[in-house]
Amino acid sequence: MKFSLFVHIERVSADDDQRRLYDEMIELCHMADDGGMHAIWTGEHHGMNFTIAPNPLLNLVDLARRTKHVRLGTGTVIAPFWHPIRLAGEAAMADIIMDGRLDLGVARGAYSFEYERLSPGLDAWTAGQKMRELIPAVQKLWQGDYAHEGEHWQFPATTSSPKPMQQPGPPIWVAARDPSSHDFAVANGCNVQCTPLHFGDDEVEGLMAKFNAACANHPDKPRPKIMVLRHTYVADSEADAQVGAEELHRFYVYFGAWFKNERPISQGLIDLPEEDFANHPFYSPEGMRKNQIVGQPDEVIARIKGYEALGYDEFSLWIDSGMSFARKRDSLRRFIDNVMPAFA
C-alpha cells in the first residue's frame, strides 16, 4: 500500500488570505515529501474559492522545485475544458520540468457551476464522451504525427511539442465510479482513481468489484493500479475524533451546496445559513464518524488494512476538510508517524 496526499487551497471565508493559504498548502506538501509519502495530488476547479486550483500543472511545477521525492499528480484535470493538443504539450512540458515525476489524472468533471461558465450547455454525458475521446488522443500525440477525426475534436497530423520525459508518457489515471469508466480505463492502459465520497465501506468494496470486473473483461491488458481517495482525520482522542467528524460534516454540506448549484454565489463563496448544517439529511457528523476514516491511529490502521486486503494499491488522504491549518497539520503528522509505519 502506497500513501499520498490530496490537497487544494480551501477557502470558505473572504477573511482568509489566499497567499497564506497557499503557503500552508506548501507546508503540508513538504510534510508529505519528508514523511515518505508516495505522491501529492491536486485538482482543477474554476471560479470556486471552495477549492482553488485553476491549473493543477502550475501548482505541481512549483511543487517540483520544493520537493525531492514525491510523484506529482493531477487529481484531476477536467477533460472537456482541454484540447488534446494543448493537454499533451502542457503535460509533457510539466513532466520535463518535474524530472519525470508527473502522473496525469483525468476526469469528466462534476460541478454544473463550472460547466455553465466554461462550456455552456455541457452535460455530464457529453463530458464523459469528451474524456473518452481526449485520453487516447493525448496518448497518440505523445508518440507524434497523429491526425484526429473525432466527434468533438478534429486536427491534422500533429506531434506533442515537447515530448514527455517519461516514455511512452506519464501514467494516466481515470476518475471512475460507474462500470463503463472502469472498463474504459483498463482497456486504454490507464490507472484508476476512485472516491466513495460520503458513503461507507460498502461503496469502497463496490468500486473494487467494478474494477475487478473491468480487469476480467480485458485479460489481454496488464492489471493497472487503483487508488482510493478518502477524507481522513487521525485524532489524538475520541473527543478529538468527534470534533473532526463535525468539521467534515460542515465541509460536506458546503460540497453539497456547490454540487447542487442552487445557492447564490458571491466572490466565489457560498454563504450558508446555520440551519443548512443542522438539518442536512445525510451529511451528519455521525455519518462522517462512521463512513470517513476518522479516529485514533489504531482505528485508522485497521480501516486502511481492510482496503489493502481488497486490493487497493494506493490510499490518498484527502486533507481538505474545513479544519484549521493547525488541525490538518497535526492529523497529517499523526498519519505519517503513527499510521504509515504499520504498512512499511
Protein backbone atom coordinates (compact mmCIF):
# COMPACT_ATOMS: atom_id res chain seq x y z
CA MET A 1 0.00 0.00 0.00
CA LYS A 2 1.35 3.40 -1.03
CA PHE A 3 0.18 6.64 0.56
CA SER A 4 -0.41 10.04 -0.98
CA LEU A 5 -1.77 13.47 -0.08
CA PHE A 6 -4.72 15.01 -1.94
CA VAL A 7 -4.82 18.77 -1.37
CA HIS A 8 -6.25 22.02 -2.73
CA ILE A 9 -6.29 25.56 -1.42
CA GLU A 10 -9.56 25.55 0.52
CA ARG A 11 -11.40 28.80 1.30
CA VAL A 12 -14.87 29.38 2.72
CA SER A 13 -14.38 32.88 4.13
CA ALA A 14 -13.30 36.13 2.48
CA ASP A 15 -11.24 36.77 5.61
CA ASP A 16 -8.75 34.03 4.65
CA ASP A 17 -5.73 35.48 2.84
CA GLN A 18 -5.10 33.44 -0.29
CA ARG A 19 -1.31 33.76 -0.19
CA ARG A 20 -1.30 32.48 3.39
CA LEU A 21 -3.49 29.55 2.34
CA TYR A 22 -1.05 28.71 -0.47
CA ASP A 23 1.90 28.79 1.92
CA GLU A 24 0.02 26.49 4.30
CA MET A 25 -0.68 24.07 1.47
CA ILE A 26 3.03 24.05 0.61
CA GLU A 27 3.90 23.23 4.22
CA LEU A 28 1.57 20.21 4.13
CA CYS A 29 3.23 19.11 0.89
CA HIS A 30 6.67 19.41 2.49
CA MET A 31 5.45 17.18 5.30
CA ALA A 32 4.21 14.60 2.80
CA ASP A 33 7.51 14.61 0.92
CA ASP A 34 9.72 14.49 4.01
CA GLY A 35 7.47 11.90 5.63
CA GLY A 36 7.83 9.31 2.88
CA MET A 37 4.52 9.66 1.06
CA HIS A 38 4.47 8.39 -2.50
CA ALA A 39 2.63 11.26 -4.22
CA ILE A 40 0.83 14.59 -3.96
CA TRP A 41 -2.36 15.17 -5.96
CA THR A 42 -4.21 18.41 -6.71
CA GLY A 43 -7.19 19.07 -8.96
CA GLU A 44 -8.70 21.59 -11.35
CA HIS A 45 -11.54 23.94 -10.47
CA HIS A 46 -12.66 27.34 -11.72
CA GLY A 47 -14.40 30.28 -10.06
CA MET A 48 -14.76 28.37 -6.78
CA ASN A 49 -12.97 29.51 -3.66
CA PHE A 50 -14.06 26.25 -2.02
CA THR A 51 -11.27 24.51 -3.93
CA ILE A 52 -8.84 26.95 -5.53
CA ALA A 53 -6.98 25.15 -8.32
CA PRO A 54 -7.37 26.83 -11.73
CA ASN A 55 -4.45 24.89 -13.27
CA PRO A 56 -3.05 21.91 -11.34
CA LEU A 57 0.01 21.69 -13.60
CA LEU A 58 1.02 25.18 -12.45
CA ASN A 59 0.89 24.14 -8.79
CA LEU A 60 2.71 20.87 -9.47
CA VAL A 61 5.54 22.57 -11.35
CA ASP A 62 6.03 24.80 -8.30
CA LEU A 63 5.96 21.76 -6.01
CA ALA A 64 8.57 20.04 -8.18
CA ARG A 65 11.06 22.71 -7.15
CA ARG A 66 10.09 22.46 -3.47
CA THR A 67 10.05 18.66 -3.04
CA LYS A 68 12.54 15.87 -3.64
CA HIS A 69 10.87 12.50 -3.79
CA VAL A 70 7.08 12.54 -4.24
CA ARG A 71 5.39 11.96 -7.55
CA LEU A 72 3.13 14.85 -8.53
CA GLY A 73 -0.32 14.17 -9.91
CA THR A 74 -3.34 15.95 -11.30
CA GLY A 75 -6.32 14.74 -9.38
CA THR A 76 -7.77 15.67 -11.84
CA VAL A 77 -7.75 17.79 -14.99
CA ILE A 78 -11.29 18.26 -16.35
CA ALA A 79 -11.32 16.72 -19.81
CA PRO A 80 -13.94 18.90 -21.55
CA PHE A 81 -12.01 22.05 -20.65
CA TRP A 82 -8.88 20.94 -22.56
CA HIS A 83 -7.98 20.49 -26.22
CA PRO A 84 -5.97 17.27 -26.74
CA ILE A 85 -3.02 19.07 -28.34
CA ARG A 86 -2.86 21.60 -25.51
CA LEU A 87 -3.08 18.96 -22.77
CA ALA A 88 -0.50 16.70 -24.42
CA GLY A 89 2.01 19.54 -24.79
CA GLU A 90 1.48 21.19 -21.42
CA ALA A 91 1.58 17.87 -19.55
CA ALA A 92 4.75 16.89 -21.42
CA MET A 93 6.40 20.22 -20.59
CA ALA A 94 5.41 19.79 -16.94
CA ASP A 95 6.86 16.27 -16.95
CA ILE A 96 10.20 17.60 -18.20
CA ILE A 97 10.28 20.36 -15.56
CA MET A 98 9.34 17.78 -12.89
CA ASP A 99 12.16 15.42 -13.93
CA GLY A 100 9.66 12.76 -14.92
CA ARG A 101 7.52 12.81 -11.77
CA LEU A 102 4.14 13.64 -13.37
CA ASP A 103 1.05 11.46 -13.09
CA LEU A 104 -1.87 12.72 -15.20
CA GLY A 105 -5.30 12.16 -13.68
CA VAL A 106 -8.27 12.97 -15.93
CA ALA A 107 -12.00 13.26 -15.15
CA ARG A 108 -15.19 14.40 -16.84
CA GLY A 109 -15.81 16.99 -14.08
CA ALA A 110 -18.59 17.12 -11.52
CA TYR A 111 -19.83 20.67 -10.98
CA SER A 112 -22.54 22.10 -13.25
CA PHE A 113 -21.39 25.52 -11.94
CA GLU A 114 -18.18 25.06 -13.94
CA TYR A 115 -19.87 23.57 -17.00
CA GLU A 116 -22.19 26.59 -17.22
CA ARG A 117 -19.27 29.00 -17.26
CA LEU A 118 -16.57 27.23 -19.28
CA SER A 119 -18.70 25.17 -21.65
CA PRO A 120 -22.35 26.34 -21.66
CA GLY A 121 -24.77 23.57 -22.47
CA LEU A 122 -22.37 20.80 -21.47
CA ASP A 123 -23.88 17.88 -19.59
CA ALA A 124 -22.25 15.01 -17.70
CA TRP A 125 -22.83 12.50 -20.52
CA THR A 126 -21.12 14.67 -23.14
CA ALA A 127 -18.31 15.50 -20.71
CA GLY A 128 -17.73 11.77 -20.23
CA GLN A 129 -17.65 11.22 -24.00
CA LYS A 130 -15.10 14.02 -24.32
CA MET A 131 -12.93 12.34 -21.69
CA ARG A 132 -13.07 9.06 -23.62
CA GLU A 133 -12.02 10.86 -26.79
CA LEU A 134 -9.36 13.03 -25.16
CA ILE A 135 -7.27 10.37 -23.40
CA PRO A 136 -6.45 8.15 -26.42
CA ALA A 137 -5.70 11.29 -28.45
CA VAL A 138 -3.21 12.53 -25.83
CA GLN A 139 -1.54 9.11 -25.73
CA LYS A 140 -1.12 9.14 -29.52
CA LEU A 141 0.07 12.76 -29.62
CA TRP A 142 2.88 11.82 -27.23
CA GLN A 143 4.01 9.36 -29.89
CA GLY A 144 3.63 12.02 -32.57
CA ASP A 145 2.42 12.65 -36.12
CA TYR A 146 -1.13 11.83 -35.14
CA ALA A 147 -4.21 13.10 -37.02
CA HIS A 148 -7.56 13.06 -35.25
CA GLU A 149 -11.08 12.90 -36.66
CA GLY A 150 -13.36 12.60 -33.65
CA GLU A 151 -16.81 13.73 -32.62
CA HIS A 152 -15.55 16.62 -30.51
CA TRP A 153 -12.12 17.46 -31.98
CA GLN A 154 -10.56 17.28 -35.40
CA PHE A 155 -7.00 18.18 -36.37
CA PRO A 156 -4.38 17.19 -38.97
CA ALA A 157 -1.21 15.25 -38.18
CA THR A 158 0.37 16.78 -35.06
CA THR A 159 3.15 15.96 -32.62
CA SER A 160 3.11 16.84 -28.95
CA SER A 161 5.68 19.56 -28.51
CA PRO A 162 7.59 18.83 -26.39
CA LYS A 163 7.55 15.08 -25.80
CA PRO A 164 7.31 13.97 -22.17
CA MET A 165 10.36 12.81 -20.27
CA GLN A 166 8.60 9.59 -19.28
CA GLN A 167 8.06 7.23 -22.19
CA PRO A 168 5.70 6.32 -23.68
CA GLY A 169 4.22 9.03 -21.44
CA PRO A 170 3.30 9.86 -17.86
CA PRO A 171 0.93 7.36 -16.24
CA ILE A 172 -2.68 8.36 -16.91
CA TRP A 173 -5.33 7.88 -14.23
CA VAL A 174 -9.07 7.92 -14.87
CA ALA A 175 -11.51 9.09 -12.20
CA ALA A 176 -14.03 6.24 -12.25
CA ARG A 177 -17.29 5.43 -10.50
CA ASP A 178 -19.54 3.65 -12.97
CA PRO A 179 -18.61 0.30 -14.61
CA SER A 180 -18.10 1.86 -18.05
CA SER A 181 -15.45 4.26 -16.70
CA HIS A 182 -13.56 1.40 -15.06
CA ASP A 183 -13.79 -0.58 -18.29
CA PHE A 184 -12.55 2.36 -20.37
CA ALA A 185 -9.58 2.87 -18.06
CA VAL A 186 -8.45 -0.75 -18.16
CA ALA A 187 -8.99 -1.04 -21.94
CA ASN A 188 -6.83 2.05 -22.52
CA GLY A 189 -3.97 1.15 -20.19
CA CYS A 190 -4.91 3.73 -17.55
CA ASN A 191 -4.85 3.52 -13.77
CA VAL A 192 -8.00 4.23 -11.76
CA GLN A 193 -8.74 6.88 -9.14
CA CYS A 194 -11.93 6.43 -7.17
CA THR A 195 -13.56 8.13 -4.22
CA PRO A 196 -16.51 6.88 -2.17
CA LEU A 197 -17.25 10.50 -1.13
CA HIS A 198 -19.58 10.41 1.92
CA PHE A 199 -20.55 6.75 1.52
CA GLY A 200 -19.30 3.91 3.71
CA ASP A 201 -17.07 0.93 3.08
CA ASP A 202 -19.78 -0.86 1.08
CA GLU A 203 -19.06 1.74 -1.60
CA VAL A 204 -15.32 1.07 -1.33
CA GLU A 205 -15.98 -2.63 -1.87
CA GLY A 206 -18.35 -1.89 -4.76
CA LEU A 207 -15.80 0.28 -6.53
CA MET A 208 -13.22 -2.51 -6.28
CA ALA A 209 -15.75 -5.01 -7.64
CA LYS A 210 -16.30 -2.78 -10.69
CA PHE A 211 -12.54 -2.52 -11.19
CA ASN A 212 -12.06 -6.28 -10.90
CA ALA A 213 -14.85 -6.86 -13.41
CA ALA A 214 -13.21 -4.44 -15.84
CA CYS A 215 -9.88 -6.28 -15.47
CA ALA A 216 -11.66 -9.58 -16.13
CA ASN A 217 -13.19 -8.08 -19.28
CA HIS A 218 -9.71 -7.35 -20.64
CA PRO A 219 -7.47 -10.32 -19.80
CA ASP A 220 -5.02 -9.21 -22.51
CA LYS A 221 -4.33 -5.94 -20.65
CA PRO A 222 -1.91 -5.66 -17.70
CA ARG A 223 -3.75 -5.01 -14.46
CA PRO A 224 -3.46 -1.27 -13.77
CA LYS A 225 -3.15 0.44 -10.40
CA ILE A 226 -6.17 1.55 -8.39
CA MET A 227 -6.23 4.32 -5.79
CA VAL A 228 -8.90 5.13 -3.22
CA LEU A 229 -9.28 8.73 -2.09
CA ARG A 230 -10.86 9.26 1.32
CA HIS A 231 -11.27 12.05 3.84
CA THR A 232 -9.12 11.09 6.81
CA TYR A 233 -8.57 12.60 10.24
CA VAL A 234 -6.16 10.96 12.68
CA ALA A 235 -7.30 12.02 16.14
CA ASP A 236 -5.46 12.12 19.45
CA SER A 237 -8.57 11.04 21.40
CA GLU A 238 -12.17 10.00 20.84
CA ALA A 239 -13.28 13.53 21.77
CA ASP A 240 -10.95 14.89 19.10
CA ALA A 241 -12.37 12.39 16.58
CA GLN A 242 -15.87 13.71 17.28
CA VAL A 243 -14.68 17.26 16.58
CA GLY A 244 -13.13 16.04 13.32
CA ALA A 245 -16.40 14.39 12.30
CA GLU A 246 -18.30 17.63 12.97
CA GLU A 247 -15.81 19.57 10.82
CA LEU A 248 -16.13 17.08 7.95
CA HIS A 249 -19.91 17.33 8.26
CA ARG A 250 -19.67 21.08 7.63
CA PHE A 251 -17.26 20.52 4.72
CA TYR A 252 -19.67 18.13 3.02
CA VAL A 253 -22.62 20.47 3.46
CA TYR A 254 -20.59 23.08 1.55
CA PHE A 255 -19.64 20.43 -1.02
CA GLY A 256 -23.30 19.51 -1.47
CA ALA A 257 -24.29 23.15 -1.95
CA TRP A 258 -21.69 23.58 -4.68
CA PHE A 259 -22.74 20.31 -6.32
CA LYS A 260 -26.46 21.17 -6.34
CA ASN A 261 -25.66 24.66 -7.72
CA GLU A 262 -28.80 26.27 -6.30
CA ARG A 263 -27.40 28.81 -3.82
CA PRO A 264 -26.34 32.37 -4.69
CA ILE A 265 -22.59 32.76 -5.10
CA SER A 266 -20.68 35.98 -4.47
CA GLN A 267 -16.93 36.42 -4.98
CA GLY A 268 -16.60 32.67 -5.41
CA LEU A 269 -18.15 31.95 -1.99
CA ILE A 270 -21.42 30.45 -0.77
CA ASP A 271 -22.82 31.85 2.46
CA LEU A 272 -24.80 29.02 4.07
CA PRO A 273 -27.22 29.60 6.95
CA GLU A 274 -26.67 27.53 10.08
CA GLU A 275 -29.94 25.66 9.57
CA ASP A 276 -28.43 24.07 6.46
CA PHE A 277 -25.86 22.40 8.67
CA ALA A 278 -28.27 21.44 11.43
CA ASN A 279 -30.91 19.95 9.16
CA HIS A 280 -28.90 18.15 6.50
CA PRO A 281 -30.45 14.71 5.87
CA PHE A 282 -27.31 12.63 5.31
CA TYR A 283 -24.07 14.63 5.74
CA SER A 284 -24.38 14.17 9.50
CA PRO A 285 -21.48 14.16 11.98
CA GLU A 286 -22.49 10.60 12.89
CA GLY A 287 -22.26 9.58 9.25
CA MET A 288 -18.86 11.22 8.91
CA ARG A 289 -17.58 9.42 12.03
CA LYS A 290 -18.76 6.07 10.65
CA ASN A 291 -18.03 6.37 6.93
CA GLN A 292 -14.96 8.57 6.66
CA ILE A 293 -11.69 7.44 8.19
CA VAL A 294 -11.85 9.36 11.43
CA GLY A 295 -10.34 8.02 14.62
CA GLN A 296 -7.23 7.31 16.61
CA PRO A 297 -4.27 5.63 14.85
CA ASP A 298 -5.23 2.01 15.59
CA GLU A 299 -8.70 2.53 14.12
CA VAL A 300 -7.29 4.27 11.06
CA ILE A 301 -4.76 1.46 10.52
CA ALA A 302 -7.46 -1.20 10.73
CA ARG A 303 -9.69 0.56 8.20
CA ILE A 304 -6.87 1.02 5.69
CA LYS A 305 -5.69 -2.57 6.21
CA GLY A 306 -9.16 -3.56 5.04
CA TYR A 307 -8.72 -1.51 1.86
CA GLU A 308 -5.31 -3.09 1.31
CA ALA A 309 -6.87 -6.54 1.61
CA LEU A 310 -9.45 -5.60 -1.04
CA GLY A 311 -6.61 -4.92 -3.46
CA TYR A 312 -6.17 -1.14 -3.45
CA ASP A 313 -2.63 -0.11 -4.40
CA GLU A 314 -2.71 3.45 -3.05
CA PHE A 315 -4.55 5.27 -0.30
CA SER A 316 -4.82 9.03 -0.75
CA LEU A 317 -5.50 11.17 2.30
CA TRP A 318 -7.94 13.88 1.24
CA ILE A 319 -6.99 16.67 3.63
CA ASP A 320 -9.47 19.38 2.50
CA SER A 321 -11.86 19.35 5.43
CA GLY A 322 -12.87 22.79 6.70
CA MET A 323 -10.43 22.32 9.57
CA SER A 324 -7.86 24.87 10.64
CA PHE A 325 -4.38 24.53 9.22
CA ALA A 326 -3.08 23.50 12.65
CA ARG A 327 -5.58 20.63 12.86
CA LYS A 328 -4.79 19.45 9.34
CA ARG A 329 -1.07 19.61 10.11
CA ASP A 330 -1.40 17.68 13.37
CA SER A 331 -3.55 14.99 11.76
CA LEU A 332 -1.09 14.58 8.90
CA ARG A 333 1.79 14.33 11.37
CA ARG A 334 0.00 11.56 13.27
CA PHE A 335 -0.76 9.79 9.98
CA ILE A 336 2.91 9.85 8.97
CA ASP A 337 4.29 8.96 12.40
CA ASN A 338 1.66 6.54 13.72
CA VAL A 339 -0.22 5.06 10.75
CA MET A 340 2.19 4.67 7.82
CA PRO A 341 4.79 2.61 9.76
CA ALA A 342 2.20 -0.16 10.16
CA PHE A 343 2.41 -0.66 6.36
CA ALA A 344 6.19 -0.44 5.99
